[in-house]
Amino acid sequence: MSDTSQARPAAETAGELPIRMLHDRLLVEPDKEAGERKSSAGIVIPATAAMGKRLAWGTVVATGPNVRQVSLHDTILFDPEDRAEVELDGLLYTLLRERDIHAISQTVGEDSTGLYL
């Protein structure tokens, strides 16, 4: 019999995190901007102020083997209400499924004119 099994994709982890993600799971480091912020008019809004449903940005630090659209170090947009948190090595991370990602940030290339036709 010949071995026709395909190689399984490997999970990816940035740095030396003591964790390996499974299936379509992502480990995300939330941006530190969740504290005090300013409105467009310059009014300081404290971190404890209640806001409506607001999405949050984070950086992907580990991916499971079945993740297709997101790569390590991508900056993603997600709903902070639909999350599970875990503490690893004293840092707080967020666990998400790939389908819970709303957007992936793209940087504008230096050769881009910024015009869309």
PDB file of N, CA and C in Angstrom:
ATOM      1  N   MET A   1       0.822  -1.195   0.000  1.00  0.00           N
ATOM      2  CA  MET A   1       0.000   0.000   0.000  1.00  0.00           C
ATOM      3  C   MET A   1       0.859   1.250   0.000  1.00  0.00           C
ATOM      4  N   SER A   2       0.492   2.188  -0.802  1.00  0.00           N
ATOM      5  CA  SER A   2       1.228   3.445  -0.818  1.00  0.00           C
ATOM      6  C   SER A   2       0.599   4.408   0.172  1.00  0.00           C
ATOM      7  N   ASP A   3       1.417   5.253   0.726  1.00  0.00           N
ATOM      8  CA  ASP A   3       0.941   6.236   1.704  1.00  0.00           C
ATOM      9  C   ASP A   3       0.470   7.478   0.961  1.00  0.00           C
ATOM     10  N   THR A   4      -0.854   7.652   0.876  1.00  0.00           N
ATOM     11  CA  THR A   4      -1.413   8.790   0.142  1.00  0.00           C
ATOM     12  C   THR A   4      -1.874   9.901   1.065  1.00  0.00           C
ATOM     13  N   SER A   5      -1.548   9.796   2.334  1.00  0.00           N
ATOM     14  CA  SER A   5      -1.978  10.845   3.272  1.00  0.00           C
ATOM     15  C   SER A   5      -1.197  12.121   3.010  1.00  0.00           C
ATOM     16  N   GLN A   6      -1.899  13.227   3.112  1.00  0.00           N
ATOM     17  CA  GLN A   6      -1.273  14.519   2.879  1.00  0.00           C
ATOM     18  C   GLN A   6      -0.676  15.039   4.175  1.00  0.00           C
ATOM     19  N   ALA A   7       0.382  15.801   4.047  1.00  0.00           N
ATOM     20  CA  ALA A   7       0.994  16.410   5.225  1.00  0.00           C
ATOM     21  C   ALA A   7       0.054  17.466   5.786  1.00  0.00           C
ATOM     22  N   ARG A   8      -0.100  17.477   7.100  1.00  0.00           N
ATOM     23  CA  ARG A   8      -0.967  18.461   7.741  1.00  0.00           C
ATOM     24  C   ARG A   8      -0.208  19.767   7.904  1.00  0.00           C
ATOM     25  N   PRO A   9      -0.881  20.894   7.710  1.00  0.00           N
ATOM     26  CA  PRO A   9      -0.209  22.173   7.911  1.00  0.00           C
ATOM     27  C   PRO A   9       0.183  22.338   9.370  1.00  0.00           C
ATOM     28  N   ALA A  10       1.280  23.008   9.598  1.00  0.00           N
ATOM     29  CA  ALA A  10       1.774  23.193  10.962  1.00  0.00           C
ATOM     30  C   ALA A  10       1.217  24.469  11.566  1.00  0.00           C
ATOM     31  N   ALA A  11       1.026  24.431  12.870  1.00  0.00           N
ATOM     32  CA  ALA A  11       0.624  25.640  13.590  1.00  0.00           C
ATOM     33  C   ALA A  11       1.829  26.558  13.679  1.00  0.00           C
ATOM     34  N   GLU A  12       1.595  27.871  13.671  1.00  0.00           N
ATOM     35  CA  GLU A  12       2.682  28.843  13.740  1.00  0.00           C
ATOM     36  C   GLU A  12       2.584  29.638  15.028  1.00  0.00           C
ATOM     37  N   THR A  13       3.743  29.910  15.625  1.00  0.00           N
ATOM     38  CA  THR A  13       3.798  30.711  16.843  1.00  0.00           C
ATOM     39  C   THR A  13       4.937  31.705  16.729  1.00  0.00           C
ATOM     40  N   ALA A  14       4.668  32.955  17.083  1.00  0.00           N
ATOM     41  CA  ALA A  14       5.703  33.985  17.084  1.00  0.00           C
ATOM     42  C   ALA A  14       6.478  33.895  18.388  1.00  0.00           C
ATOM     43  N   GLY A  15       7.791  33.830  18.298  1.00  0.00           N
ATOM     44  CA  GLY A  15       8.604  33.800  19.512  1.00  0.00           C
ATOM     45  C   GLY A  15       8.525  32.457  20.211  1.00  0.00           C
ATOM     46  N   GLU A  16       8.733  32.466  21.509  1.00  0.00           N
ATOM     47  CA  GLU A  16       8.777  31.247  22.306  1.00  0.00           C
ATOM     48  C   GLU A  16       7.578  31.145  23.235  1.00  0.00           C
ATOM     49  N   LEU A  17       6.384  31.209  22.704  1.00  0.00           N
ATOM     50  CA  LEU A  17       5.188  31.072  23.528  1.00  0.00           C
ATOM     51  C   LEU A  17       4.982  29.602  23.882  1.00  0.00           C
ATOM     52  N   PRO A  18       4.592  29.320  25.128  1.00  0.00           N
ATOM     53  CA  PRO A  18       4.409  27.932  25.556  1.00  0.00           C
ATOM     54  C   PRO A  18       3.029  27.386  25.184  1.00  0.00           C
ATOM     55  N   ILE A  19       2.639  27.576  23.933  1.00  0.00           N
ATOM     56  CA  ILE A  19       1.302  27.160  23.522  1.00  0.00           C
ATOM     57  C   ILE A  19       1.318  26.832  22.037  1.00  0.00           C
ATOM     58  N   ARG A  20       0.485  25.870  21.648  1.00  0.00           N
ATOM     59  CA  ARG A  20       0.316  25.513  20.240  1.00  0.00           C
ATOM     60  C   ARG A  20      -1.174  25.562  19.951  1.00  0.00           C
ATOM     61  N   MET A  21      -1.559  26.383  19.014  1.00  0.00           N
ATOM     62  CA  MET A  21      -2.971  26.571  18.702  1.00  0.00           C
ATOM     63  C   MET A  21      -3.483  25.396  17.867  1.00  0.00           C
ATOM     64  N   LEU A  22      -4.755  25.068  18.049  1.00  0.00           N
ATOM     65  CA  LEU A  22      -5.385  23.969  17.327  1.00  0.00           C
ATOM     66  C   LEU A  22      -6.424  24.493  16.345  1.00  0.00           C
ATOM     67  N   HIS A  23      -6.676  23.725  15.308  1.00  0.00           N
ATOM     68  CA  HIS A  23      -7.740  23.966  14.334  1.00  0.00           C
ATOM     69  C   HIS A  23      -7.682  25.380  13.750  1.00  0.00           C
ATOM     70  N   ASP A  24      -8.775  26.142  13.840  1.00  0.00           N
ATOM     71  CA  ASP A  24      -8.821  27.486  13.243  1.00  0.00           C
ATOM     72  C   ASP A  24      -8.705  28.569  14.309  1.00  0.00           C
ATOM     73  N   ARG A  25      -8.001  28.280  15.374  1.00  0.00           N
ATOM     74  CA  ARG A  25      -7.875  29.218  16.489  1.00  0.00           C
ATOM     75  C   ARG A  25      -6.706  30.183  16.274  1.00  0.00           C
ATOM     76  N   LEU A  26      -6.873  31.387  16.843  1.00  0.00           N
ATOM     77  CA  LEU A  26      -5.847  32.430  16.786  1.00  0.00           C
ATOM     78  C   LEU A  26      -5.553  32.906  18.198  1.00  0.00           C
ATOM     79  N   LEU A  27      -4.311  33.219  18.468  1.00  0.00           N
ATOM     80  CA  LEU A  27      -3.919  33.866  19.714  1.00  0.00           C
ATOM     81  C   LEU A  27      -3.530  35.289  19.347  1.00  0.00           C
ATOM     82  N   VAL A  28      -4.211  36.261  19.962  1.00  0.00           N
ATOM     83  CA  VAL A  28      -4.074  37.665  19.583  1.00  0.00           C
ATOM     84  C   VAL A  28      -3.617  38.477  20.783  1.00  0.00           C
ATOM     85  N   GLU A  29      -2.649  39.360  20.551  1.00  0.00           N
ATOM     86  CA  GLU A  29      -2.228  40.316  21.572  1.00  0.00           C
ATOM     87  C   GLU A  29      -2.998  41.612  21.321  1.00  0.00           C
ATOM     88  N   PRO A  30      -3.935  41.968  22.221  1.00  0.00           N
ATOM     89  CA  PRO A  30      -4.725  43.186  22.009  1.00  0.00           C
ATOM     90  C   PRO A  30      -3.846  44.431  22.046  1.00  0.00           C
ATOM     91  N   ASP A  31      -4.225  45.442  21.258  1.00  0.00           N
ATOM     92  CA  ASP A  31      -3.504  46.715  21.288  1.00  0.00           C
ATOM     93  C   ASP A  31      -3.656  47.347  22.657  1.00  0.00           C
ATOM     94  N   LYS A  32      -2.665  48.099  23.055  1.00  0.00           N
ATOM     95  CA  LYS A  32      -2.661  48.732  24.375  1.00  0.00           C
ATOM     96  C   LYS A  32      -3.466  50.017  24.410  1.00  0.00           C
ATOM     97  N   GLU A  33      -4.134  50.377  23.314  1.00  0.00           N
ATOM     98  CA  GLU A  33      -4.885  51.628  23.231  1.00  0.00           C
ATOM     99  C   GLU A  33      -6.213  51.581  23.971  1.00  0.00           C
ATOM    100  N   ALA A  34      -6.482  50.513  24.695  1.00  0.00           N
ATOM    101  CA  ALA A  34      -7.785  50.363  25.338  1.00  0.00           C
ATOM    102  C   ALA A  34      -7.963  51.299  26.530  1.00  0.00           C
ATOM    103  N   GLY A  35      -6.959  52.051  26.871  1.00  0.00           N
ATOM    104  CA  GLY A  35      -7.052  52.962  28.005  1.00  0.00           C
ATOM    105  C   GLY A  35      -7.696  54.278  27.626  1.00  0.00           C
ATOM    106  N   GLU A  36      -7.249  55.325  28.256  1.00  0.00           N
ATOM    107  CA  GLU A  36      -7.790  56.664  28.030  1.00  0.00           C
ATOM    108  C   GLU A  36      -7.547  57.096  26.582  1.00  0.00           C
ATOM    109  N   ARG A  37      -8.526  57.754  25.987  1.00  0.00           N
ATOM    110  CA  ARG A  37      -8.375  58.217  24.603  1.00  0.00           C
ATOM    111  C   ARG A  37      -9.027  59.584  24.452  1.00  0.00           C
ATOM    112  N   LYS A  38      -8.774  60.239  23.315  1.00  0.00           N
ATOM    113  CA  LYS A  38      -9.334  61.566  23.054  1.00  0.00           C
ATOM    114  C   LYS A  38     -10.322  61.500  21.911  1.00  0.00           C
ATOM    115  N   SER A  39     -11.378  62.286  22.020  1.00  0.00           N
ATOM    116  CA  SER A  39     -12.347  62.381  20.929  1.00  0.00           C
ATOM    117  C   SER A  39     -11.772  63.287  19.847  1.00  0.00           C
ATOM    118  N   SER A  40     -12.454  63.371  18.716  1.00  0.00           N
ATOM    119  CA  SER A  40     -11.978  64.238  17.633  1.00  0.00           C
ATOM    120  C   SER A  40     -12.002  65.705  18.041  1.00  0.00           C
ATOM    121  N   ALA A  41     -12.817  66.064  19.034  1.00  0.00           N
ATOM    122  CA  ALA A  41     -12.876  67.447  19.524  1.00  0.00           C
ATOM    123  C   ALA A  41     -11.851  67.713  20.623  1.00  0.00           C
ATOM    124  N   GLY A  42     -11.081  66.679  21.014  1.00  0.00           N
ATOM    125  CA  GLY A  42     -10.052  66.859  22.025  1.00  0.00           C
ATOM    126  C   GLY A  42     -10.496  66.557  23.444  1.00  0.00           C
ATOM    127  N   ILE A  43     -11.698  66.039  23.620  1.00  0.00           N
ATOM    128  CA  ILE A  43     -12.197  65.695  24.953  1.00  0.00           C
ATOM    129  C   ILE A  43     -11.597  64.359  25.377  1.00  0.00           C
ATOM    130  N   VAL A  44     -11.046  64.293  26.598  1.00  0.00           N
ATOM    131  CA  VAL A  44     -10.455  63.063  27.110  1.00  0.00           C
ATOM    132  C   VAL A  44     -11.570  62.135  27.584  1.00  0.00           C
ATOM    133  N   ILE A  45     -11.562  60.896  27.068  1.00  0.00           N
ATOM    134  CA  ILE A  45     -12.560  59.893  27.439  1.00  0.00           C
ATOM    135  C   ILE A  45     -11.856  58.845  28.295  1.00  0.00           C
ATOM    136  N   PRO A  46     -12.249  58.685  29.571  1.00  0.00           N
ATOM    137  CA  PRO A  46     -11.585  57.709  30.435  1.00  0.00           C
ATOM    138  C   PRO A  46     -11.856  56.275  29.988  1.00  0.00           C
ATOM    139  N   ALA A  47     -10.973  55.350  30.378  1.00  0.00           N
ATOM    140  CA  ALA A  47     -11.110  53.951  29.992  1.00  0.00           C
ATOM    141  C   ALA A  47     -12.364  53.322  30.575  1.00  0.00           C
ATOM    142  N   THR A  48     -12.879  53.878  31.668  1.00  0.00           N
ATOM    143  CA  THR A  48     -14.059  53.309  32.316  1.00  0.00           C
ATOM    144  C   THR A  48     -15.368  53.783  31.705  1.00  0.00           C
ATOM    145  N   ALA A  49     -15.312  54.705  30.753  1.00  0.00           N
ATOM    146  CA  ALA A  49     -16.538  55.223  30.129  1.00  0.00           C
ATOM    147  C   ALA A  49     -17.203  54.128  29.304  1.00  0.00           C
ATOM    148  N   ALA A  50     -18.504  54.001  29.462  1.00  0.00           N
ATOM    149  CA  ALA A  50     -19.248  52.984  28.723  1.00  0.00           C
ATOM    150  C   ALA A  50     -19.403  53.427  27.271  1.00  0.00           C
ATOM    151  N   MET A  51     -19.026  52.563  26.375  1.00  0.00           N
ATOM    152  CA  MET A  51     -19.154  52.835  24.950  1.00  0.00           C
ATOM    153  C   MET A  51     -20.107  51.805  24.361  1.00  0.00           C
ATOM    154  N   GLY A  52     -20.695  52.134  23.252  1.00  0.00           N
ATOM    155  CA  GLY A  52     -21.514  51.168  22.537  1.00  0.00           C
ATOM    156  C   GLY A  52     -20.627  50.052  22.015  1.00  0.00           C
ATOM    157  N   LYS A  53     -21.178  49.225  21.199  1.00  0.00           N
ATOM    158  CA  LYS A  53     -20.403  48.119  20.647  1.00  0.00           C
ATOM    159  C   LYS A  53     -19.248  48.675  19.824  1.00  0.00           C
ATOM    160  N   ARG A  54     -18.041  48.449  20.289  1.00  0.00           N
ATOM    161  CA  ARG A  54     -16.847  48.997  19.663  1.00  0.00           C
ATOM    162  C   ARG A  54     -15.881  47.855  19.376  1.00  0.00           C
ATOM    163  N   LEU A  55     -15.376  47.792  18.150  1.00  0.00           N
ATOM    164  CA  LEU A  55     -14.422  46.755  17.776  1.00  0.00           C
ATOM    165  C   LEU A  55     -13.027  47.130  18.252  1.00  0.00           C
ATOM    166  N   ALA A  56     -12.150  46.141  18.364  1.00  0.00           N
ATOM    167  CA  ALA A  56     -10.794  46.365  18.866  1.00  0.00           C
ATOM    168  C   ALA A  56      -9.774  45.805  17.877  1.00  0.00           C
ATOM    169  N   TRP A  57      -8.566  46.371  17.912  1.00  0.00           N
ATOM    170  CA  TRP A  57      -7.452  45.918  17.084  1.00  0.00           C
ATOM    171  C   TRP A  57      -6.525  45.051  17.920  1.00  0.00           C
ATOM    172  N   GLY A  58      -5.854  44.112  17.255  1.00  0.00           N
ATOM    173  CA  GLY A  58      -4.880  43.268  17.928  1.00  0.00           C
ATOM    174  C   GLY A  58      -3.919  42.677  16.914  1.00  0.00           C
ATOM    175  N   THR A  59      -2.823  42.098  17.418  1.00  0.00           N
ATOM    176  CA  THR A  59      -1.796  41.501  16.571  1.00  0.00           C
ATOM    177  C   THR A  59      -1.780  39.993  16.777  1.00  0.00           C
ATOM    178  N   VAL A  60      -1.797  39.235  15.697  1.00  0.00           N
ATOM    179  CA  VAL A  60      -1.800  37.775  15.760  1.00  0.00           C
ATOM    180  C   VAL A  60      -0.407  37.283  16.147  1.00  0.00           C
ATOM    181  N   VAL A  61      -0.325  36.484  17.223  1.00  0.00           N
ATOM    182  CA  VAL A  61       0.964  35.956  17.672  1.00  0.00           C
ATOM    183  C   VAL A  61       1.054  34.439  17.528  1.00  0.00           C
ATOM    184  N   ALA A  62      -0.072  33.759  17.250  1.00  0.00           N
ATOM    185  CA  ALA A  62      -0.051  32.317  17.002  1.00  0.00           C
ATOM    186  C   ALA A  62      -1.289  31.938  16.203  1.00  0.00           C
ATOM    187  N   THR A  63      -1.129  30.949  15.308  1.00  0.00           N
ATOM    188  CA  THR A  63      -2.250  30.484  14.493  1.00  0.00           C
ATOM    189  C   THR A  63      -2.312  28.963  14.527  1.00  0.00           C
ATOM    190  N   GLY A  64      -3.518  28.439  14.406  1.00  0.00           N
ATOM    191  CA  GLY A  64      -3.703  27.002  14.303  1.00  0.00           C
ATOM    192  C   GLY A  64      -3.422  26.524  12.888  1.00  0.00           C
ATOM    193  N   PRO A  65      -3.333  25.213  12.686  1.00  0.00           N
ATOM    194  CA  PRO A  65      -2.977  24.683  11.364  1.00  0.00           C
ATOM    195  C   PRO A  65      -4.054  24.879  10.296  1.00  0.00           C
ATOM    196  N   ASN A  66      -5.299  25.116  10.675  1.00  0.00           N
ATOM    197  CA  ASN A  66      -6.376  25.274   9.693  1.00  0.00           C
ATOM    198  C   ASN A  66      -6.730  26.723   9.394  1.00  0.00           C
ATOM    199  N   VAL A  67      -5.941  27.663   9.871  1.00  0.00           N
ATOM    200  CA  VAL A  67      -6.181  29.084   9.595  1.00  0.00           C
ATOM    201  C   VAL A  67      -5.720  29.372   8.175  1.00  0.00           C
ATOM    202  N   ARG A  68      -6.596  30.001   7.366  1.00  0.00           N
ATOM    203  CA  ARG A  68      -6.280  30.227   5.952  1.00  0.00           C
ATOM    204  C   ARG A  68      -5.992  31.675   5.599  1.00  0.00           C
ATOM    205  N   GLN A  69      -6.751  32.614   6.140  1.00  0.00           N
ATOM    206  CA  GLN A  69      -6.689  34.002   5.688  1.00  0.00           C
ATOM    207  C   GLN A  69      -5.775  34.895   6.514  1.00  0.00           C
ATOM    208  N   VAL A  70      -5.423  34.482   7.713  1.00  0.00           N
ATOM    209  CA  VAL A  70      -4.666  35.329   8.636  1.00  0.00           C
ATOM    210  C   VAL A  70      -3.275  34.746   8.815  1.00  0.00           C
ATOM    211  N   SER A  71      -2.262  35.624   8.867  1.00  0.00           N
ATOM    212  CA  SER A  71      -0.880  35.204   9.068  1.00  0.00           C
ATOM    213  C   SER A  71      -0.345  35.770  10.373  1.00  0.00           C
ATOM    214  N   LEU A  72       0.795  35.237  10.803  1.00  0.00           N
ATOM    215  CA  LEU A  72       1.457  35.778  11.992  1.00  0.00           C
ATOM    216  C   LEU A  72       1.755  37.257  11.803  1.00  0.00           C
ATOM    217  N   HIS A  73       1.630  38.023  12.843  1.00  0.00           N
ATOM    218  CA  HIS A  73       1.938  39.457  12.895  1.00  0.00           C
ATOM    219  C   HIS A  73       0.932  40.321  12.135  1.00  0.00           C
ATOM    220  N   ASP A  74      -0.147  39.739  11.613  1.00  0.00           N
ATOM    221  CA  ASP A  74      -1.205  40.551  11.003  1.00  0.00           C
ATOM    222  C   ASP A  74      -1.913  41.351  12.090  1.00  0.00           C
ATOM    223  N   THR A  75      -2.331  42.556  11.755  1.00  0.00           N
ATOM    224  CA  THR A  75      -3.153  43.359  12.658  1.00  0.00           C
ATOM    225  C   THR A  75      -4.598  43.141  12.247  1.00  0.00           C
ATOM    226  N   ILE A  76      -5.405  42.677  13.211  1.00  0.00           N
ATOM    227  CA  ILE A  76      -6.779  42.293  12.901  1.00  0.00           C
ATOM    228  C   ILE A  76      -7.778  43.109  13.708  1.00  0.00           C
ATOM    229  N   LEU A  77      -9.007  43.155  13.214  1.00  0.00           N
ATOM    230  CA  LEU A  77     -10.112  43.847  13.879  1.00  0.00           C
ATOM    231  C   LEU A  77     -11.102  42.786  14.357  1.00  0.00           C
ATOM    232  N   PHE A  78     -11.434  42.823  15.663  1.00  0.00           N
ATOM    233  CA  PHE A  78     -12.333  41.822  16.227  1.00  0.00           C
ATOM    234  C   PHE A  78     -13.244  42.456  17.267  1.00  0.00           C
ATOM    235  N   ASP A  79     -14.296  41.735  17.631  1.00  0.00           N
ATOM    236  CA  ASP A  79     -15.247  42.190  18.640  1.00  0.00           C
ATOM    237  C   ASP A  79     -14.740  41.752  20.012  1.00  0.00           C
ATOM    238  N   PRO A  80     -14.405  42.683  20.898  1.00  0.00           N
ATOM    239  CA  PRO A  80     -13.859  42.300  22.203  1.00  0.00           C
ATOM    240  C   PRO A  80     -14.874  41.596  23.103  1.00  0.00           C
ATOM    241  N   GLU A  81     -16.154  41.651  22.769  1.00  0.00           N
ATOM    242  CA  GLU A  81     -17.169  40.958  23.571  1.00  0.00           C
ATOM    243  C   GLU A  81     -17.187  39.457  23.277  1.00  0.00           C
ATOM    244  N   ASP A  82     -16.809  39.057  22.070  1.00  0.00           N
ATOM    245  CA  ASP A  82     -16.816  37.644  21.664  1.00  0.00           C
ATOM    246  C   ASP A  82     -15.420  37.055  21.782  1.00  0.00           C
ATOM    247  N   ARG A  83     -14.923  36.953  22.999  1.00  0.00           N
ATOM    248  CA  ARG A  83     -13.544  36.494  23.148  1.00  0.00           C
ATOM    249  C   ARG A  83     -13.370  35.703  24.433  1.00  0.00           C
ATOM    250  N   ALA A  84     -12.280  34.991  24.478  1.00  0.00           N
ATOM    251  CA  ALA A  84     -11.812  34.335  25.695  1.00  0.00           C
ATOM    252  C   ALA A  84     -10.400  34.849  25.931  1.00  0.00           C
ATOM    253  N   GLU A  85     -10.055  35.123  27.163  1.00  0.00           N
ATOM    254  CA  GLU A  85      -8.727  35.650  27.478  1.00  0.00           C
ATOM    255  C   GLU A  85      -7.893  34.590  28.189  1.00  0.00           C
ATOM    256  N   VAL A  86      -6.589  34.654  27.979  1.00  0.00           N
ATOM    257  CA  VAL A  86      -5.655  33.750  28.637  1.00  0.00           C
ATOM    258  C   VAL A  86      -4.397  34.542  28.982  1.00  0.00           C
ATOM    259  N   GLU A  87      -3.777  34.219  30.104  1.00  0.00           N
ATOM    260  CA  GLU A  87      -2.535  34.877  30.509  1.00  0.00           C
ATOM    261  C   GLU A  87      -1.385  33.898  30.323  1.00  0.00           C
ATOM    262  N   LEU A  88      -0.388  34.305  29.548  1.00  0.00           N
ATOM    263  CA  LEU A  88       0.802  33.498  29.296  1.00  0.00           C
ATOM    264  C   LEU A  88       2.032  34.326  29.601  1.00  0.00           C
ATOM    265  N   ASP A  89       2.890  33.819  30.441  1.00  0.00           N
ATOM    266  CA  ASP A  89       4.129  34.514  30.807  1.00  0.00           C
ATOM    267  C   ASP A  89       3.865  35.939  31.273  1.00  0.00           C
ATOM    268  N   GLY A  90       2.775  36.146  31.993  1.00  0.00           N
ATOM    269  CA  GLY A  90       2.465  37.462  32.546  1.00  0.00           C
ATOM    270  C   GLY A  90       1.811  38.429  31.577  1.00  0.00           C
ATOM    271  N   LEU A  91       1.564  38.017  30.344  1.00  0.00           N
ATOM    272  CA  LEU A  91       0.914  38.879  29.352  1.00  0.00           C
ATOM    273  C   LEU A  91      -0.483  38.352  29.053  1.00  0.00           C
ATOM    274  N   LEU A  92      -1.409  39.269  28.803  1.00  0.00           N
ATOM    275  CA  LEU A  92      -2.796  38.910  28.524  1.00  0.00           C
ATOM    276  C   LEU A  92      -3.014  38.792  27.018  1.00  0.00           C
ATOM    277  N   TYR A  93      -3.568  37.660  26.589  1.00  0.00           N
ATOM    278  CA  TYR A  93      -3.853  37.404  25.181  1.00  0.00           C
ATOM    279  C   TYR A  93      -5.335  37.094  25.012  1.00  0.00           C
ATOM    280  N   THR A  94      -5.805  37.179  23.774  1.00  0.00           N
ATOM    281  CA  THR A  94      -7.189  36.871  23.434  1.00  0.00           C
ATOM    282  C   THR A  94      -7.218  35.672  22.497  1.00  0.00           C
ATOM    283  N   LEU A  95      -8.115  34.726  22.758  1.00  0.00           N
ATOM    284  CA  LEU A  95      -8.309  33.561  21.895  1.00  0.00           C
ATOM    285  C   LEU A  95      -9.517  33.806  21.002  1.00  0.00           C
ATOM    286  N   LEU A  96      -9.338  33.601  19.702  1.00  0.00           N
ATOM    287  CA  LEU A  96     -10.419  33.811  18.739  1.00  0.00           C
ATOM    288  C   LEU A  96     -10.445  32.671  17.735  1.00  0.00           C
ATOM    289  N   ARG A  97     -11.568  32.515  17.065  1.00  0.00           N
ATOM    290  CA  ARG A  97     -11.640  31.652  15.893  1.00  0.00           C
ATOM    291  C   ARG A  97     -11.466  32.543  14.670  1.00  0.00           C
ATOM    292  N   GLU A  98     -10.976  31.977  13.592  1.00  0.00           N
ATOM    293  CA  GLU A  98     -10.734  32.773  12.386  1.00  0.00           C
ATOM    294  C   GLU A  98     -12.019  33.431  11.884  1.00  0.00           C
ATOM    295  N   ARG A  99     -13.142  32.773  12.037  1.00  0.00           N
ATOM    296  CA  ARG A  99     -14.405  33.338  11.547  1.00  0.00           C
ATOM    297  C   ARG A  99     -14.871  34.547  12.356  1.00  0.00           C
ATOM    298  N   ASP A 100     -14.279  34.779  13.542  1.00  0.00           N
ATOM    299  CA  ASP A 100     -14.646  35.925  14.377  1.00  0.00           C
ATOM    300  C   ASP A 100     -13.875  37.193  14.024  1.00  0.00           C
ATOM    301  N   ILE A 101     -13.011  37.121  13.028  1.00  0.00           N
ATOM    302  CA  ILE A 101     -12.228  38.272  12.581  1.00  0.00           C
ATOM    303  C   ILE A 101     -13.089  39.102  11.627  1.00  0.00           C
ATOM    304  N   HIS A 102     -13.153  40.409  11.858  1.00  0.00           N
ATOM    305  CA  HIS A 102     -13.938  41.292  10.992  1.00  0.00           C
ATOM    306  C   HIS A 102     -13.107  41.848   9.837  1.00  0.00           C
ATOM    307  N   ALA A 103     -11.801  42.102  10.065  1.00  0.00           N
ATOM    308  CA  ALA A 103     -10.959  42.680   9.012  1.00  0.00           C
ATOM    309  C   ALA A 103      -9.492  42.449   9.341  1.00  0.00           C
ATOM    310  N   ILE A 104      -8.665  42.531   8.306  1.00  0.00           N
ATOM    311  CA  ILE A 104      -7.211  42.467   8.449  1.00  0.00           C
ATOM    312  C   ILE A 104      -6.658  43.772   7.907  1.00  0.00           C
ATOM    313  N   SER A 105      -5.823  44.432   8.694  1.00  0.00           N
ATOM    314  CA  SER A 105      -5.254  45.716   8.291  1.00  0.00           C
ATOM    315  C   SER A 105      -4.237  45.511   7.177  1.00  0.00           C
ATOM    316  N   GLN A 106      -4.269  46.397   6.197  1.00  0.00           N
ATOM    317  CA  GLN A 106      -3.293  46.376   5.121  1.00  0.00           C
ATOM    318  C   GLN A 106      -2.529  47.678   5.144  1.00  0.00           C
ATOM    319  N   THR A 107      -1.225  47.583   4.980  1.00  0.00           N
ATOM    320  CA  THR A 107      -0.420  48.792   4.905  1.00  0.00           C
ATOM    321  C   THR A 107      -0.363  49.236   3.454  1.00  0.00           C
ATOM    322  N   VAL A 108      -0.404  50.529   3.240  1.00  0.00           N
ATOM    323  CA  VAL A 108      -0.332  51.079   1.893  1.00  0.00           C
ATOM    324  C   VAL A 108       1.118  51.010   1.445  1.00  0.00           C
ATOM    325  N   GLY A 109       1.348  50.439   0.270  1.00  0.00           N
ATOM    326  CA  GLY A 109       2.697  50.317  -0.255  1.00  0.00           C
ATOM    327  C   GLY A 109       3.282  51.664  -0.624  1.00  0.00           C
ATOM    328  N   GLU A 110       4.610  51.745  -0.582  1.00  0.00           N
ATOM    329  CA  GLU A 110       5.277  53.007  -0.910  1.00  0.00           C
ATOM    330  C   GLU A 110       5.081  53.384  -2.370  1.00  0.00           C
ATOM    331  N   ASP A 111       4.920  52.373  -3.235  1.00  0.00           N
ATOM    332  CA  ASP A 111       4.752  52.671  -4.652  1.00  0.00           C
ATOM    333  C   ASP A 111       3.291  52.928  -5.018  1.00  0.00           C
ATOM    334  N   SER A 112       2.402  52.859  -4.045  1.00  0.00           N
ATOM    335  CA  SER A 112       0.985  53.087  -4.301  1.00  0.00           C
ATOM    336  C   SER A 112       0.698  54.580  -4.408  1.00  0.00           C
ATOM    337  N   THR A 113      -0.165  54.934  -5.343  1.00  0.00           N
ATOM    338  CA  THR A 113      -0.524  56.342  -5.519  1.00  0.00           C
ATOM    339  C   THR A 113      -1.673  56.749  -4.618  1.00  0.00           C
ATOM    340  N   GLY A 114      -2.383  55.766  -4.069  1.00  0.00           N
ATOM    341  CA  GLY A 114      -3.522  56.075  -3.222  1.00  0.00           C
ATOM    342  C   GLY A 114      -4.790  56.330  -4.004  1.00  0.00           C
ATOM    343  N   LEU A 115      -4.729  56.175  -5.319  1.00  0.00           N
ATOM    344  CA  LEU A 115      -5.900  56.393  -6.162  1.00  0.00           C
ATOM    345  C   LEU A 115      -6.570  55.062  -6.460  1.00  0.00           C
ATOM    346  N   TYR A 116      -7.875  55.051  -6.389  1.00  0.00           N
ATOM    347  CA  TYR A 116      -8.636  53.853  -6.708  1.00  0.00           C
ATOM    348  C   TYR A 116      -9.563  54.172  -7.864  1.00  0.00           C
ATOM    349  N   LEU A 117      -9.507  53.363  -8.882  1.00  0.00           N
ATOM    350  CA  LEU A 117     -10.342  53.594 -10.064  1.00  0.00           C
ATOM    351  C   LEU A 117     -11.384  52.522 -10.184  1.00  0.00           C
TER     352      LEU A 117
END
